[in-house]
Amino acid sequence: MGMGMGMGMGMGMGMGMGMGMGMGMGMAFGATPPELGFRPLTLQYDLGPNTDPSFPDQLLPKECWKDRVGPWDPDVLCLLPLTEFIRATNWDTIDADIVAERPRLLDWKPGTAGYQDFVAREIIQLQLLMQTDRERYMGEIVAQHDNAPGYWVSLMAVNNREHHNTLVVMNLAVRIGQIVAAFYKVKYHRTRPSYACPGLLPAFGPPAHASFPSGHSLQSWLMSLFLEEVAPAYKEELYWLAKRVALNRERAGVHYRSDTEAGEFIATKCKAKIMALPANSEIKELLERAKNEWSQPAAIAPAIAPV
């Protein structure tokens, strides 16, 4: 799941999606904008009289610095609404929704009638993708392993100056996805495809956690579903990108198709739980602020009317 998003744009989107998608976050409070990154500077001290000063040692007037803290890093800010999601929604009961609405997603479980045949069919599908798609998509697969959110940034030309709240929303999607995916991965404890069929030989990994659900799928769909609320005109493009990133994990041989579909299903349920919160919820207010950064109509008519 790790989609680490080091975005290199002063966006502060760090999130190691090692669970995979990451947003450049390294899971820490470093939160240093790229433009303020490491720069070597040699200082010489007290070389003697009549030399240049070692360093400027005077304070600025307090009016210049007393309230200066930012701008806040979007990945740090997203941790605040994240706590509301954890506290105010029953995100940890979505497994009951899977059983009630999509029980076939669990046909891989040992003890289920025909589970070995179900797994075998999914492995065959991954073998076909290995033969037909993997080489062609490998550059994309590797780039998206820990930096997938950058694709959403590129798709929408997001930047920290105009879309600061949008970046907070994106980081929130990745963070929620990490927590929810980890919870259900531990709960279902599914073996990775290449453990069942070593011949799949993924080019890396497989990642060191369980297979079901796909964290990349869950995080990708959360990102697209959240951004759909922010910029609805991008809906088709956002859905296309979520599907593509999720499918690339199958092309890589690290996820089954049912992992991918479960990620989408769980993401949809997470969004529904958020949208059921009161209008003054922290997350909904964040989404509204982000929406104001785009000023788009709720829907856009097609450029060419159907015949």
C-alpha atoms as a PDB file:
ATOM      1  CA  MET A   1       0.000   0.000   0.000  1.00  0.00           C
ATOM      2  CA  GLY A   2       2.700   2.283   0.152  1.00  0.00           C
ATOM      3  CA  MET A   3       2.182   5.252  -1.979  1.00  0.00           C
ATOM      4  CA  GLY A   4       4.827   7.567  -0.519  1.00  0.00           C
ATOM      5  CA  MET A   5       4.321  10.902  -2.014  1.00  0.00           C
ATOM      6  CA  GLY A   6       7.341  13.005  -1.997  1.00  0.00           C
ATOM      7  CA  MET A   7       6.012  15.487  -4.349  1.00  0.00           C
ATOM      8  CA  GLY A   8       8.914  17.769  -4.803  1.00  0.00           C
ATOM      9  CA  MET A   9       6.669  20.773  -5.079  1.00  0.00           C
ATOM     10  CA  GLY A  10       6.588  22.081  -1.570  1.00  0.00           C
ATOM     11  CA  MET A  11       3.378  20.279  -1.100  1.00  0.00           C
ATOM     12  CA  GLY A  12       4.183  18.476   2.020  1.00  0.00           C
ATOM     13  CA  MET A  13       2.565  15.347   0.887  1.00  0.00           C
ATOM     14  CA  GLY A  14       4.687  12.824   2.520  1.00  0.00           C
ATOM     15  CA  MET A  15       3.185   9.570   3.076  1.00  0.00           C
ATOM     16  CA  GLY A  16       4.940   6.416   2.659  1.00  0.00           C
ATOM     17  CA  MET A  17       2.341   4.179   1.072  1.00  0.00           C
ATOM     18  CA  GLY A  18       4.765   1.174   2.007  1.00  0.00           C
ATOM     19  CA  MET A  19       1.638   0.455   2.663  1.00  0.00           C
ATOM     20  CA  GLY A  20       2.170   1.862  -0.191  1.00  0.00           C
ATOM     21  CA  MET A  21       1.121   5.008  -1.644  1.00  0.00           C
ATOM     22  CA  GLY A  22       2.797   7.432   0.418  1.00  0.00           C
ATOM     23  CA  MET A  23       2.934  11.023  -0.112  1.00  0.00           C
ATOM     24  CA  GLY A  24       6.435  11.717   0.497  1.00  0.00           C
ATOM     25  CA  MET A  25       5.947  11.731   4.076  1.00  0.00           C
ATOM     26  CA  GLY A  26       8.240   9.372   5.606  1.00  0.00           C
ATOM     27  CA  MET A  27       5.665   9.078   8.360  1.00  0.00           C
ATOM     28  CA  ALA A  28       7.208  11.820  10.410  1.00  0.00           C
ATOM     29  CA  PHE A  29       6.896  15.445  11.393  1.00  0.00           C
ATOM     30  CA  GLY A  30       9.838  16.506   9.240  1.00  0.00           C
ATOM     31  CA  ALA A  31       7.431  18.352   6.944  1.00  0.00           C
ATOM     32  CA  THR A  32      10.178  20.355   5.247  1.00  0.00           C
ATOM     33  CA  PRO A  33       9.090  21.925   1.955  1.00  0.00           C
ATOM     34  CA  PRO A  34      11.414  20.851  -0.879  1.00  0.00           C
ATOM     35  CA  GLU A  35      12.391  24.459  -1.568  1.00  0.00           C
ATOM     36  CA  LEU A  36      13.671  24.645   2.028  1.00  0.00           C
ATOM     37  CA  GLY A  37      15.572  21.381   1.799  1.00  0.00           C
ATOM     38  CA  PHE A  38      19.185  20.592   2.703  1.00  0.00           C
ATOM     39  CA  ARG A  39      21.816  23.076   1.575  1.00  0.00           C
ATOM     40  CA  PRO A  40      25.458  22.890   2.710  1.00  0.00           C
ATOM     41  CA  LEU A  41      26.851  26.113   4.194  1.00  0.00           C
ATOM     42  CA  THR A  42      30.395  26.423   5.529  1.00  0.00           C
ATOM     43  CA  LEU A  43      30.733  28.796   8.505  1.00  0.00           C
ATOM     44  CA  GLN A  44      34.042  30.134   9.767  1.00  0.00           C
ATOM     45  CA  TYR A  45      34.258  31.293  13.358  1.00  0.00           C
ATOM     46  CA  ASP A  46      36.367  33.994  14.996  1.00  0.00           C
ATOM     47  CA  LEU A  47      39.212  34.156  12.522  1.00  0.00           C
ATOM     48  CA  GLY A  48      40.564  37.327  14.071  1.00  0.00           C
ATOM     49  CA  PRO A  49      40.190  41.089  13.968  1.00  0.00           C
ATOM     50  CA  ASN A  50      39.266  42.882  10.767  1.00  0.00           C
ATOM     51  CA  THR A  51      37.718  39.763   9.192  1.00  0.00           C
ATOM     52  CA  ASP A  52      34.176  39.245   7.999  1.00  0.00           C
ATOM     53  CA  PRO A  53      31.756  38.394  10.817  1.00  0.00           C
ATOM     54  CA  SER A  54      31.269  34.691  11.522  1.00  0.00           C
ATOM     55  CA  PHE A  55      27.502  34.984  11.076  1.00  0.00           C
ATOM     56  CA  PRO A  56      24.832  37.659  11.481  1.00  0.00           C
ATOM     57  CA  ASP A  57      23.954  37.479  15.174  1.00  0.00           C
ATOM     58  CA  GLN A  58      21.313  40.165  15.631  1.00  0.00           C
ATOM     59  CA  LEU A  59      17.581  39.460  16.099  1.00  0.00           C
ATOM     60  CA  LEU A  60      14.995  40.797  13.714  1.00  0.00           C
ATOM     61  CA  PRO A  61      12.301  43.041  15.169  1.00  0.00           C
ATOM     62  CA  LYS A  62       9.754  40.775  16.836  1.00  0.00           C
ATOM     63  CA  GLU A  63       7.041  41.980  14.431  1.00  0.00           C
ATOM     64  CA  CYS A  64       8.916  40.149  11.671  1.00  0.00           C
ATOM     65  CA  TRP A  65       8.807  36.731  13.296  1.00  0.00           C
ATOM     66  CA  LYS A  66       6.591  36.438  16.367  1.00  0.00           C
ATOM     67  CA  ASP A  67       3.596  34.840  14.546  1.00  0.00           C
ATOM     68  CA  ARG A  68       5.462  33.104  11.733  1.00  0.00           C
ATOM     69  CA  VAL A  69       4.971  29.326  11.716  1.00  0.00           C
ATOM     70  CA  GLY A  70       4.204  28.218   8.234  1.00  0.00           C
ATOM     71  CA  PRO A  71       2.693  27.619   5.902  1.00  0.00           C
ATOM     72  CA  TRP A  72       1.500  24.473   7.637  1.00  0.00           C
ATOM     73  CA  ASP A  73       2.437  21.259   5.924  1.00  0.00           C
ATOM     74  CA  PRO A  74      -0.673  19.580   4.395  1.00  0.00           C
ATOM     75  CA  ASP A  75       0.318  16.175   5.716  1.00  0.00           C
ATOM     76  CA  VAL A  76       0.525  17.476   9.263  1.00  0.00           C
ATOM     77  CA  LEU A  77      -2.804  19.290   8.939  1.00  0.00           C
ATOM     78  CA  CYS A  78      -4.561  16.167   7.656  1.00  0.00           C
ATOM     79  CA  LEU A  79      -3.895  14.420  10.962  1.00  0.00           C
ATOM     80  CA  LEU A  80      -6.541  16.574  12.662  1.00  0.00           C
ATOM     81  CA  PRO A  81      -9.537  15.535  10.516  1.00  0.00           C
ATOM     82  CA  LEU A  82      -8.088  12.022  10.519  1.00  0.00           C
ATOM     83  CA  THR A  83      -8.870  11.775  14.217  1.00  0.00           C
ATOM     84  CA  GLU A  84     -12.493  12.730  13.484  1.00  0.00           C
ATOM     85  CA  PHE A  85     -12.792   9.934  10.931  1.00  0.00           C
ATOM     86  CA  ILE A  86     -11.469   7.394  13.419  1.00  0.00           C
ATOM     87  CA  ARG A  87     -13.616   8.654  16.270  1.00  0.00           C
ATOM     88  CA  ALA A  88     -16.891   9.562  14.522  1.00  0.00           C
ATOM     89  CA  THR A  89     -17.387   6.760  11.989  1.00  0.00           C
ATOM     90  CA  ASN A  90     -17.682   2.997  12.399  1.00  0.00           C
ATOM     91  CA  TRP A  91     -15.051   2.318   9.747  1.00  0.00           C
ATOM     92  CA  ASP A  92     -14.037  -0.873  11.560  1.00  0.00           C
ATOM     93  CA  THR A  93     -17.363  -2.619  10.765  1.00  0.00           C
ATOM     94  CA  ILE A  94     -17.111  -2.567   6.966  1.00  0.00           C
ATOM     95  CA  ASP A  95     -16.366  -6.302   7.010  1.00  0.00           C
ATOM     96  CA  ALA A  96     -20.059  -6.823   7.807  1.00  0.00           C
ATOM     97  CA  ASP A  97     -20.927  -4.824   4.666  1.00  0.00           C
ATOM     98  CA  ILE A  98     -18.676  -7.082   2.606  1.00  0.00           C
ATOM     99  CA  VAL A  99     -20.472 -10.165   3.912  1.00  0.00           C
ATOM    100  CA  ALA A 100     -23.903  -8.620   3.298  1.00  0.00           C
ATOM    101  CA  GLU A 101     -23.291  -6.969  -0.080  1.00  0.00           C
ATOM    102  CA  ARG A 102     -20.224  -8.521  -1.732  1.00  0.00           C
ATOM    103  CA  PRO A 103     -19.702 -11.974  -0.203  1.00  0.00           C
ATOM    104  CA  ARG A 104     -18.013 -13.230  -3.378  1.00  0.00           C
ATOM    105  CA  LEU A 105     -15.027 -11.047  -2.497  1.00  0.00           C
ATOM    106  CA  LEU A 106     -14.328 -13.567   0.267  1.00  0.00           C
ATOM    107  CA  ASP A 107     -14.547 -16.734  -1.818  1.00  0.00           C
ATOM    108  CA  TRP A 108     -10.772 -17.092  -1.482  1.00  0.00           C
ATOM    109  CA  LYS A 109     -11.025 -17.843   2.254  1.00  0.00           C
ATOM    110  CA  PRO A 110      -9.976 -21.385   3.229  1.00  0.00           C
ATOM    111  CA  GLY A 111     -13.018 -23.365   4.264  1.00  0.00           C
ATOM    112  CA  THR A 112     -15.264 -21.645   1.721  1.00  0.00           C
ATOM    113  CA  ALA A 113     -16.734 -24.083  -0.807  1.00  0.00           C
ATOM    114  CA  GLY A 114     -14.535 -24.114  -3.918  1.00  0.00           C
ATOM    115  CA  TYR A 115     -11.978 -21.679  -2.506  1.00  0.00           C
ATOM    116  CA  GLN A 116      -9.032 -23.428  -4.167  1.00  0.00           C
ATOM    117  CA  ASP A 117     -10.659 -23.132  -7.586  1.00  0.00           C
ATOM    118  CA  PHE A 118     -11.402 -19.465  -6.906  1.00  0.00           C
ATOM    119  CA  VAL A 119      -7.754 -18.770  -6.042  1.00  0.00           C
ATOM    120  CA  ALA A 120      -6.571 -20.774  -9.053  1.00  0.00           C
ATOM    121  CA  ARG A 121      -8.736 -18.668 -11.395  1.00  0.00           C
ATOM    122  CA  GLU A 122      -7.362 -15.462  -9.907  1.00  0.00           C
ATOM    123  CA  ILE A 123      -3.799 -16.755 -10.308  1.00  0.00           C
ATOM    124  CA  ILE A 124      -4.458 -17.565 -13.973  1.00  0.00           C
ATOM    125  CA  GLN A 125      -5.630 -13.994 -14.506  1.00  0.00           C
ATOM    126  CA  LEU A 126      -2.404 -12.686 -12.912  1.00  0.00           C
ATOM    127  CA  GLN A 127      -0.330 -15.017 -15.077  1.00  0.00           C
ATOM    128  CA  LEU A 128      -1.977 -13.555 -18.164  1.00  0.00           C
ATOM    129  CA  LEU A 129      -1.256 -10.016 -16.987  1.00  0.00           C
ATOM    130  CA  MET A 130       2.335 -11.028 -16.299  1.00  0.00           C
ATOM    131  CA  GLN A 131       2.712 -12.233 -19.885  1.00  0.00           C
ATOM    132  CA  THR A 132       0.852  -9.445 -21.671  1.00  0.00           C
ATOM    133  CA  ASP A 133       1.125  -6.293 -19.556  1.00  0.00           C
ATOM    134  CA  ARG A 134       3.863  -6.331 -16.947  1.00  0.00           C
ATOM    135  CA  GLU A 135       6.841  -5.391 -19.099  1.00  0.00           C
ATOM    136  CA  ARG A 136       4.947  -2.569 -20.801  1.00  0.00           C
ATOM    137  CA  TYR A 137       3.731  -1.070 -17.520  1.00  0.00           C
ATOM    138  CA  MET A 138       6.792  -1.704 -15.340  1.00  0.00           C
ATOM    139  CA  GLY A 139       8.027   1.886 -15.231  1.00  0.00           C
ATOM    140  CA  GLU A 140       4.599   3.031 -14.131  1.00  0.00           C
ATOM    141  CA  ILE A 141       4.271   0.198 -11.608  1.00  0.00           C
ATOM    142  CA  VAL A 142       7.565   1.098  -9.929  1.00  0.00           C
ATOM    143  CA  ALA A 143       6.802   4.830  -9.893  1.00  0.00           C
ATOM    144  CA  GLN A 144       3.400   4.216  -8.306  1.00  0.00           C
ATOM    145  CA  HIS A 145       4.661   1.809  -5.666  1.00  0.00           C
ATOM    146  CA  ASP A 146       5.584   4.604  -3.258  1.00  0.00           C
ATOM    147  CA  ASN A 147       4.728   7.779  -5.175  1.00  0.00           C
ATOM    148  CA  ALA A 148       1.291   7.216  -6.653  1.00  0.00           C
ATOM    149  CA  PRO A 149      -0.332  10.430  -5.337  1.00  0.00           C
ATOM    150  CA  GLY A 150       1.934  12.373  -7.661  1.00  0.00           C
ATOM    151  CA  TYR A 151      -0.209  11.077 -10.521  1.00  0.00           C
ATOM    152  CA  TRP A 152      -3.270  12.833  -9.067  1.00  0.00           C
ATOM    153  CA  VAL A 153      -1.228  15.987  -8.618  1.00  0.00           C
ATOM    154  CA  SER A 154      -0.162  15.835 -12.245  1.00  0.00           C
ATOM    155  CA  LEU A 155      -3.653  15.000 -13.509  1.00  0.00           C
ATOM    156  CA  MET A 156      -5.173  18.074 -11.870  1.00  0.00           C
ATOM    157  CA  ALA A 157      -2.084  20.335 -11.904  1.00  0.00           C
ATOM    158  CA  VAL A 158      -2.373  20.750  -8.137  1.00  0.00           C
ATOM    159  CA  ASN A 159       0.000  23.208  -6.484  1.00  0.00           C
ATOM    160  CA  ASN A 160       0.423  24.338  -2.896  1.00  0.00           C
ATOM    161  CA  ARG A 161      -0.145  28.016  -3.643  1.00  0.00           C
ATOM    162  CA  GLU A 162      -3.603  27.626  -5.199  1.00  0.00           C
ATOM    163  CA  HIS A 163      -4.721  24.258  -3.782  1.00  0.00           C
ATOM    164  CA  HIS A 164      -3.427  24.022  -0.221  1.00  0.00           C
ATOM    165  CA  ASN A 165      -6.681  22.555   1.159  1.00  0.00           C
ATOM    166  CA  THR A 166      -6.858  20.139  -1.768  1.00  0.00           C
ATOM    167  CA  LEU A 167      -3.446  18.805  -0.759  1.00  0.00           C
ATOM    168  CA  VAL A 168      -4.710  18.356   2.801  1.00  0.00           C
ATOM    169  CA  VAL A 169      -7.634  16.345   1.383  1.00  0.00           C
ATOM    170  CA  MET A 170      -5.263  14.166  -0.634  1.00  0.00           C
ATOM    171  CA  ASN A 171      -3.046  13.510   2.373  1.00  0.00           C
ATOM    172  CA  LEU A 172      -6.142  12.693   4.410  1.00  0.00           C
ATOM    173  CA  ALA A 173      -7.213  10.123   1.820  1.00  0.00           C
ATOM    174  CA  VAL A 174      -3.825   8.434   1.981  1.00  0.00           C
ATOM    175  CA  ARG A 175      -3.766   8.456   5.779  1.00  0.00           C
ATOM    176  CA  ILE A 176      -7.271   7.048   6.118  1.00  0.00           C
ATOM    177  CA  GLY A 177      -6.384   4.431   3.541  1.00  0.00           C
ATOM    178  CA  GLN A 178      -3.290   3.400   5.476  1.00  0.00           C
ATOM    179  CA  ILE A 179      -5.172   2.910   8.722  1.00  0.00           C
ATOM    180  CA  VAL A 180      -8.212   1.180   7.227  1.00  0.00           C
ATOM    181  CA  ALA A 181      -6.174  -1.063   4.954  1.00  0.00           C
ATOM    182  CA  ALA A 182      -3.868  -2.103   7.782  1.00  0.00           C
ATOM    183  CA  PHE A 183      -6.849  -2.921   9.992  1.00  0.00           C
ATOM    184  CA  TYR A 184      -8.499  -5.191   7.420  1.00  0.00           C
ATOM    185  CA  LYS A 185      -5.242  -6.723   6.235  1.00  0.00           C
ATOM    186  CA  VAL A 186      -4.630  -7.949   9.772  1.00  0.00           C
ATOM    187  CA  LYS A 187      -8.239  -9.101  10.063  1.00  0.00           C
ATOM    188  CA  TYR A 188      -8.254 -11.148   6.837  1.00  0.00           C
ATOM    189  CA  HIS A 189      -4.585 -12.182   6.756  1.00  0.00           C
ATOM    190  CA  ARG A 190      -4.561 -13.242   3.098  1.00  0.00           C
ATOM    191  CA  THR A 191      -1.451 -14.745   1.504  1.00  0.00           C
ATOM    192  CA  ARG A 192       0.148 -12.821  -1.374  1.00  0.00           C
ATOM    193  CA  PRO A 193      -0.271 -14.289  -4.879  1.00  0.00           C
ATOM    194  CA  SER A 194       3.439 -14.984  -5.366  1.00  0.00           C
ATOM    195  CA  TYR A 195       3.480 -17.124  -2.231  1.00  0.00           C
ATOM    196  CA  ALA A 196       0.793 -19.307  -3.788  1.00  0.00           C
ATOM    197  CA  CYS A 197       2.426 -19.221  -7.225  1.00  0.00           C
ATOM    198  CA  PRO A 198       6.154 -18.344  -7.033  1.00  0.00           C
ATOM    199  CA  GLY A 199       6.298 -18.275 -10.835  1.00  0.00           C
ATOM    200  CA  LEU A 200       4.565 -14.887 -10.770  1.00  0.00           C
ATOM    201  CA  LEU A 201       7.976 -13.555  -9.690  1.00  0.00           C
ATOM    202  CA  PRO A 202       7.104  -9.941  -8.910  1.00  0.00           C
ATOM    203  CA  ALA A 203       9.858  -7.460  -9.736  1.00  0.00           C
ATOM    204  CA  PHE A 204       9.921  -6.330  -6.106  1.00  0.00           C
ATOM    205  CA  GLY A 205       8.525  -7.554  -2.835  1.00  0.00           C
ATOM    206  CA  PRO A 206       5.923  -8.683  -2.322  1.00  0.00           C
ATOM    207  CA  PRO A 207       5.187  -6.016   0.301  1.00  0.00           C
ATOM    208  CA  ALA A 208       5.598  -7.219   3.857  1.00  0.00           C
ATOM    209  CA  HIS A 209       1.951  -7.338   4.881  1.00  0.00           C
ATOM    210  CA  ALA A 210      -1.162  -9.256   3.938  1.00  0.00           C
ATOM    211  CA  SER A 211      -2.775  -9.061   0.527  1.00  0.00           C
ATOM    212  CA  PHE A 212      -6.486  -8.339   1.179  1.00  0.00           C
ATOM    213  CA  PRO A 213      -7.567  -5.626   0.587  1.00  0.00           C
ATOM    214  CA  SER A 214      -5.229  -3.850  -1.803  1.00  0.00           C
ATOM    215  CA  GLY A 215      -3.963  -0.741  -0.046  1.00  0.00           C
ATOM    216  CA  HIS A 216      -3.162   0.944  -3.357  1.00  0.00           C
ATOM    217  CA  SER A 217      -6.694   0.292  -4.570  1.00  0.00           C
ATOM    218  CA  LEU A 218      -8.249   1.538  -1.336  1.00  0.00           C
ATOM    219  CA  GLN A 219      -6.094   4.669  -1.195  1.00  0.00           C
ATOM    220  CA  SER A 220      -6.478   5.382  -4.910  1.00  0.00           C
ATOM    221  CA  TRP A 221     -10.244   5.192  -4.712  1.00  0.00           C
ATOM    222  CA  LEU A 222     -10.356   7.293  -1.558  1.00  0.00           C
ATOM    223  CA  MET A 223      -8.256   9.943  -3.270  1.00  0.00           C
ATOM    224  CA  SER A 224     -10.483   9.972  -6.346  1.00  0.00           C
ATOM    225  CA  LEU A 225     -13.736   9.854  -4.364  1.00  0.00           C
ATOM    226  CA  PHE A 226     -12.627  12.723  -2.118  1.00  0.00           C
ATOM    227  CA  LEU A 227     -11.409  14.788  -5.061  1.00  0.00           C
ATOM    228  CA  GLU A 228     -14.673  14.141  -6.868  1.00  0.00           C
ATOM    229  CA  GLU A 229     -16.328  16.154  -4.085  1.00  0.00           C
ATOM    230  CA  VAL A 230     -13.730  18.889  -4.492  1.00  0.00           C
ATOM    231  CA  ALA A 231     -13.639  19.129  -8.303  1.00  0.00           C
ATOM    232  CA  PRO A 232     -16.595  17.180  -9.746  1.00  0.00           C
ATOM    233  CA  ALA A 233     -15.708  18.043 -13.339  1.00  0.00           C
ATOM    234  CA  TYR A 234     -12.730  15.680 -13.003  1.00  0.00           C
ATOM    235  CA  LYS A 235     -14.853  12.681 -12.034  1.00  0.00           C
ATOM    236  CA  GLU A 236     -14.211  10.520 -15.105  1.00  0.00           C
ATOM    237  CA  GLU A 237     -10.489  11.221 -15.071  1.00  0.00           C
ATOM    238  CA  LEU A 238     -10.239  10.544 -11.342  1.00  0.00           C
ATOM    239  CA  TYR A 239     -12.053   7.223 -11.642  1.00  0.00           C
ATOM    240  CA  TRP A 240      -9.867   6.242 -14.598  1.00  0.00           C
ATOM    241  CA  LEU A 241      -6.710   6.935 -12.609  1.00  0.00           C
ATOM    242  CA  ALA A 242      -7.883   5.016  -9.531  1.00  0.00           C
ATOM    243  CA  LYS A 243      -8.653   1.972 -11.690  1.00  0.00           C
ATOM    244  CA  ARG A 244      -5.312   2.196 -13.461  1.00  0.00           C
ATOM    245  CA  VAL A 245      -3.176   2.442 -10.315  1.00  0.00           C
ATOM    246  CA  ALA A 246      -5.109  -0.402  -8.696  1.00  0.00           C
ATOM    247  CA  LEU A 247      -4.811  -2.623 -11.780  1.00  0.00           C
ATOM    248  CA  ASN A 248      -1.070  -2.005 -11.954  1.00  0.00           C
ATOM    249  CA  ARG A 249      -0.734  -3.855  -8.656  1.00  0.00           C
ATOM    250  CA  GLU A 250      -2.232  -6.905 -10.347  1.00  0.00           C
ATOM    251  CA  ARG A 251       0.093  -6.430 -13.308  1.00  0.00           C
ATOM    252  CA  ALA A 252       2.957  -6.431 -10.813  1.00  0.00           C
ATOM    253  CA  GLY A 253       1.764  -9.769  -9.408  1.00  0.00           C
ATOM    254  CA  VAL A 254       1.363  -8.504  -5.838  1.00  0.00           C
ATOM    255  CA  HIS A 255      -2.465  -8.433  -5.614  1.00  0.00           C
ATOM    256  CA  TYR A 256      -5.405 -10.588  -6.675  1.00  0.00           C
ATOM    257  CA  ARG A 257      -8.398  -9.113  -8.497  1.00  0.00           C
ATOM    258  CA  SER A 258     -10.576  -9.613  -5.387  1.00  0.00           C
ATOM    259  CA  ASP A 259      -8.032  -7.553  -3.380  1.00  0.00           C
ATOM    260  CA  THR A 260      -8.473  -4.736  -5.890  1.00  0.00           C
ATOM    261  CA  GLU A 261     -12.268  -4.896  -5.829  1.00  0.00           C
ATOM    262  CA  ALA A 262     -12.290  -4.994  -2.021  1.00  0.00           C
ATOM    263  CA  GLY A 263     -10.162  -1.849  -1.907  1.00  0.00           C
ATOM    264  CA  GLU A 264     -12.683   0.000  -4.057  1.00  0.00           C
ATOM    265  CA  PHE A 265     -15.626  -1.322  -2.026  1.00  0.00           C
ATOM    266  CA  ILE A 266     -14.099  -0.322   1.310  1.00  0.00           C
ATOM    267  CA  ALA A 267     -13.145   3.127  -0.012  1.00  0.00           C
ATOM    268  CA  THR A 268     -16.735   3.685  -1.154  1.00  0.00           C
ATOM    269  CA  LYS A 269     -18.026   2.732   2.293  1.00  0.00           C
ATOM    270  CA  CYS A 270     -15.507   5.031   4.005  1.00  0.00           C
ATOM    271  CA  LYS A 271     -16.640   7.962   1.904  1.00  0.00           C
ATOM    272  CA  ALA A 272     -20.309   7.179   2.591  1.00  0.00           C
ATOM    273  CA  LYS A 273     -19.620   7.224   6.325  1.00  0.00           C
ATOM    274  CA  ILE A 274     -17.919  10.604   6.004  1.00  0.00           C
ATOM    275  CA  MET A 275     -20.748  12.064   3.934  1.00  0.00           C
ATOM    276  CA  ALA A 276     -23.197  10.955   6.651  1.00  0.00           C
ATOM    277  CA  LEU A 277     -21.424  13.167   9.211  1.00  0.00           C
ATOM    278  CA  PRO A 278     -23.013  16.501  10.190  1.00  0.00           C
ATOM    279  CA  ALA A 279     -22.451  19.440   7.840  1.00  0.00           C
ATOM    280  CA  ASN A 280     -20.196  21.119  10.392  1.00  0.00           C
ATOM    281  CA  SER A 281     -17.886  18.129  10.700  1.00  0.00           C
ATOM    282  CA  GLU A 282     -14.207  18.921  10.351  1.00  0.00           C
ATOM    283  CA  ILE A 283     -13.805  16.728   7.275  1.00  0.00           C
ATOM    284  CA  LYS A 284     -16.818  18.183   5.475  1.00  0.00           C
ATOM    285  CA  GLU A 285     -15.641  21.719   6.184  1.00  0.00           C
ATOM    286  CA  LEU A 286     -12.209  20.772   4.800  1.00  0.00           C
ATOM    287  CA  LEU A 287     -13.829  19.393   1.638  1.00  0.00           C
ATOM    288  CA  GLU A 288     -15.795  22.613   1.243  1.00  0.00           C
ATOM    289  CA  ARG A 289     -12.685  24.763   1.591  1.00  0.00           C
ATOM    290  CA  ALA A 290     -10.924  22.619  -0.981  1.00  0.00           C
ATOM    291  CA  LYS A 291     -13.913  22.855  -3.328  1.00  0.00           C
ATOM    292  CA  ASN A 292     -13.704  26.639  -3.170  1.00  0.00           C
ATOM    293  CA  GLU A 293     -10.172  26.394  -4.573  1.00  0.00           C
ATOM    294  CA  TRP A 294     -11.556  25.021  -7.835  1.00  0.00           C
ATOM    295  CA  SER A 295     -14.799  26.961  -8.388  1.00  0.00           C
ATOM    296  CA  GLN A 296     -16.181  24.372 -10.751  1.00  0.00           C
ATOM    297  CA  PRO A 297     -19.787  23.633 -11.668  1.00  0.00           C
ATOM    298  CA  ALA A 298     -21.334  20.492 -10.245  1.00  0.00           C
ATOM    299  CA  ALA A 299     -21.466  19.045 -13.740  1.00  0.00           C
ATOM    300  CA  ILE A 300     -20.129  19.989 -17.136  1.00  0.00           C
ATOM    301  CA  ALA A 301     -22.079  19.365 -20.332  1.00  0.00           C
ATOM    302  CA  PRO A 302     -20.301  17.221 -22.924  1.00  0.00           C
ATOM    303  CA  ALA A 303     -18.429  19.183 -25.554  1.00  0.00           C
ATOM    304  CA  ILE A 304     -20.358  17.399 -28.337  1.00  0.00           C
ATOM    305  CA  ALA A 305     -24.017  16.663 -27.894  1.00  0.00           C
ATOM    306  CA  PRO A 306     -24.966  13.027 -28.589  1.00  0.00           C
ATOM    307  CA  VAL A 307     -26.577  12.423 -31.968  1.00  0.00           C
END
